[in-house]
Amino acid sequence: MAVLILSGVLVLAVGGCVCVVWAARGGPRWVRAVSAVTLAAGELARGSKSSGRRGSGGDD
């Protein structure tokens, strides 16, 4: 069951990346919408990753 879920997540991630590239080349409106959602999800993931390091006291 976990393999099925991870496979679905992988397919969604690859599909999102394809839409980002296609939108950069001037794809249809729905591709640009999927691209925007994919980029926003990436920014959220990056933000949550860096916010966990705030209390570490390391060099920035």
N, C-alpha and C. Protein backbone atom coordinates (compact mmCIF):
# COMPACT_ATOMS: atom_id res chain seq x y z
N MET A 1 0.82 -1.20 0.00
CA MET A 1 0.00 0.00 0.00
C MET A 1 0.86 1.25 0.00
N ALA A 2 1.95 1.23 0.78
CA ALA A 2 2.84 2.39 0.84
C ALA A 2 3.51 2.62 -0.52
N VAL A 3 3.83 1.53 -1.21
CA VAL A 3 4.46 1.67 -2.53
C VAL A 3 3.50 2.34 -3.50
N LEU A 4 2.24 2.01 -3.40
CA LEU A 4 1.23 2.62 -4.27
C LEU A 4 1.10 4.11 -4.00
N ILE A 5 1.09 4.50 -2.75
CA ILE A 5 1.00 5.91 -2.38
C ILE A 5 2.25 6.67 -2.85
N LEU A 6 3.42 6.10 -2.60
CA LEU A 6 4.65 6.76 -3.04
C LEU A 6 4.73 6.84 -4.56
N SER A 7 4.24 5.83 -5.25
CA SER A 7 4.21 5.88 -6.72
C SER A 7 3.29 7.00 -7.20
N GLY A 8 2.17 7.18 -6.54
CA GLY A 8 1.25 8.27 -6.90
C GLY A 8 1.88 9.64 -6.67
N VAL A 9 2.59 9.79 -5.56
CA VAL A 9 3.27 11.05 -5.27
C VAL A 9 4.35 11.31 -6.32
N LEU A 10 5.07 10.27 -6.70
CA LEU A 10 6.11 10.41 -7.71
C LEU A 10 5.52 10.83 -9.06
N VAL A 11 4.41 10.23 -9.44
CA VAL A 11 3.76 10.59 -10.70
C VAL A 11 3.29 12.04 -10.67
N LEU A 12 2.73 12.48 -9.55
CA LEU A 12 2.31 13.87 -9.43
C LEU A 12 3.48 14.83 -9.50
N ALA A 13 4.59 14.49 -8.87
CA ALA A 13 5.77 15.35 -8.89
C ALA A 13 6.35 15.46 -10.29
N VAL A 14 6.47 14.34 -10.97
CA VAL A 14 7.00 14.35 -12.34
C VAL A 14 6.06 15.11 -13.26
N GLY A 15 4.76 14.90 -13.12
CA GLY A 15 3.79 15.63 -13.92
C GLY A 15 3.85 17.13 -13.67
N GLY A 16 4.05 17.52 -12.43
CA GLY A 16 4.20 18.94 -12.11
C GLY A 16 5.44 19.54 -12.73
N CYS A 17 6.53 18.81 -12.71
CA CYS A 17 7.76 19.29 -13.33
C CYS A 17 7.60 19.44 -14.84
N VAL A 18 6.92 18.49 -15.46
CA VAL A 18 6.66 18.58 -16.89
C VAL A 18 5.82 19.81 -17.20
N CYS A 19 4.84 20.09 -16.37
CA CYS A 19 4.00 21.26 -16.59
C CYS A 19 4.78 22.56 -16.40
N VAL A 20 5.72 22.60 -15.48
CA VAL A 20 6.55 23.80 -15.30
C VAL A 20 7.36 24.07 -16.55
N VAL A 21 7.97 23.03 -17.11
CA VAL A 21 8.77 23.21 -18.33
C VAL A 21 7.87 23.60 -19.50
N TRP A 22 6.73 22.96 -19.63
CA TRP A 22 5.82 23.24 -20.73
C TRP A 22 5.28 24.67 -20.61
N ALA A 23 4.96 25.12 -19.40
CA ALA A 23 4.46 26.47 -19.20
C ALA A 23 5.52 27.51 -19.53
N ALA A 24 6.79 27.19 -19.26
CA ALA A 24 7.87 28.11 -19.60
C ALA A 24 7.99 28.29 -21.11
N ARG A 25 7.54 27.31 -21.86
CA ARG A 25 7.57 27.38 -23.32
C ARG A 25 6.26 27.87 -23.90
N GLY A 26 5.34 28.33 -23.04
CA GLY A 26 4.09 28.91 -23.51
C GLY A 26 2.97 27.92 -23.71
N GLY A 27 2.76 27.05 -22.77
CA GLY A 27 1.70 26.06 -22.88
C GLY A 27 0.32 26.65 -22.66
N PRO A 28 -0.70 25.81 -22.72
CA PRO A 28 -2.07 26.29 -22.51
C PRO A 28 -2.31 26.76 -21.08
N ARG A 29 -3.46 27.35 -20.87
CA ARG A 29 -3.78 27.96 -19.58
C ARG A 29 -3.78 26.96 -18.44
N TRP A 30 -4.29 25.75 -18.67
CA TRP A 30 -4.35 24.77 -17.58
C TRP A 30 -2.95 24.32 -17.17
N VAL A 31 -2.02 24.31 -18.14
CA VAL A 31 -0.63 23.94 -17.81
C VAL A 31 0.00 25.01 -16.95
N ARG A 32 -0.29 26.27 -17.26
CA ARG A 32 0.25 27.36 -16.44
C ARG A 32 -0.32 27.33 -15.03
N ALA A 33 -1.59 26.91 -14.89
CA ALA A 33 -2.21 26.80 -13.56
C ALA A 33 -1.54 25.67 -12.76
N VAL A 34 -1.35 24.52 -13.39
CA VAL A 34 -0.69 23.40 -12.71
C VAL A 34 0.75 23.78 -12.35
N SER A 35 1.40 24.52 -13.24
CA SER A 35 2.76 24.97 -12.98
C SER A 35 2.82 25.90 -11.77
N ALA A 36 1.87 26.81 -11.68
CA ALA A 36 1.84 27.73 -10.54
C ALA A 36 1.62 26.98 -9.23
N VAL A 37 0.75 25.99 -9.25
CA VAL A 37 0.50 25.18 -8.05
C VAL A 37 1.76 24.40 -7.67
N THR A 38 2.44 23.85 -8.68
CA THR A 38 3.66 23.08 -8.41
C THR A 38 4.75 23.96 -7.81
N LEU A 39 4.94 25.16 -8.39
CA LEU A 39 5.96 26.07 -7.87
C LEU A 39 5.60 26.56 -6.46
N ALA A 40 4.33 26.81 -6.21
CA ALA A 40 3.91 27.23 -4.87
C ALA A 40 4.14 26.12 -3.84
N ALA A 41 3.85 24.89 -4.22
CA ALA A 41 4.10 23.76 -3.31
C ALA A 41 5.59 23.61 -3.03
N GLY A 42 6.41 23.84 -4.04
CA GLY A 42 7.86 23.78 -3.83
C GLY A 42 8.34 24.86 -2.89
N GLU A 43 7.79 26.07 -3.03
CA GLU A 43 8.16 27.16 -2.13
C GLU A 43 7.71 26.86 -0.70
N LEU A 44 6.53 26.30 -0.55
CA LEU A 44 6.06 25.93 0.80
C LEU A 44 6.95 24.86 1.41
N ALA A 45 7.35 23.89 0.61
CA ALA A 45 8.22 22.83 1.12
C ALA A 45 9.58 23.40 1.51
N ARG A 46 10.09 24.30 0.70
CA ARG A 46 11.37 24.91 1.01
C ARG A 46 11.28 25.78 2.25
N GLY A 47 10.18 26.51 2.41
CA GLY A 47 9.98 27.36 3.58
C GLY A 47 9.84 26.57 4.86
N SER A 48 9.13 25.46 4.81
CA SER A 48 8.97 24.65 6.01
C SER A 48 10.27 23.96 6.39
N LYS A 49 11.08 23.66 5.40
CA LYS A 49 12.36 23.03 5.66
C LYS A 49 13.31 24.00 6.36
N SER A 50 13.36 25.25 5.89
CA SER A 50 14.28 26.21 6.48
C SER A 50 13.78 26.73 7.82
N SER A 51 12.46 26.75 8.04
CA SER A 51 11.95 27.25 9.31
C SER A 51 12.28 26.30 10.46
N GLY A 52 12.53 25.05 10.16
CA GLY A 52 12.90 24.09 11.19
C GLY A 52 14.33 24.28 11.66
N ARG A 53 15.12 25.01 10.92
CA ARG A 53 16.52 25.22 11.27
C ARG A 53 16.76 26.51 12.05
N ARG A 54 15.75 27.30 12.31
CA ARG A 54 15.94 28.61 12.94
C ARG A 54 16.56 28.49 14.32
N GLY A 55 16.21 27.50 15.07
CA GLY A 55 16.71 27.40 16.43
C GLY A 55 18.04 26.66 16.54
N SER A 56 18.66 26.32 15.42
CA SER A 56 19.87 25.50 15.49
C SER A 56 21.10 26.31 15.87
N GLY A 57 21.08 27.64 15.61
CA GLY A 57 22.23 28.46 15.98
C GLY A 57 23.42 28.31 15.06
N GLY A 58 23.22 27.74 13.88
CA GLY A 58 24.31 27.56 12.92
C GLY A 58 24.57 28.83 12.13
N ASP A 59 25.58 28.79 11.30
CA ASP A 59 25.92 29.92 10.44
C ASP A 59 24.89 30.04 9.32
N ASP A 60 24.48 31.29 9.04
CA ASP A 60 23.53 31.52 7.93
C ASP A 60 24.20 32.21 6.78
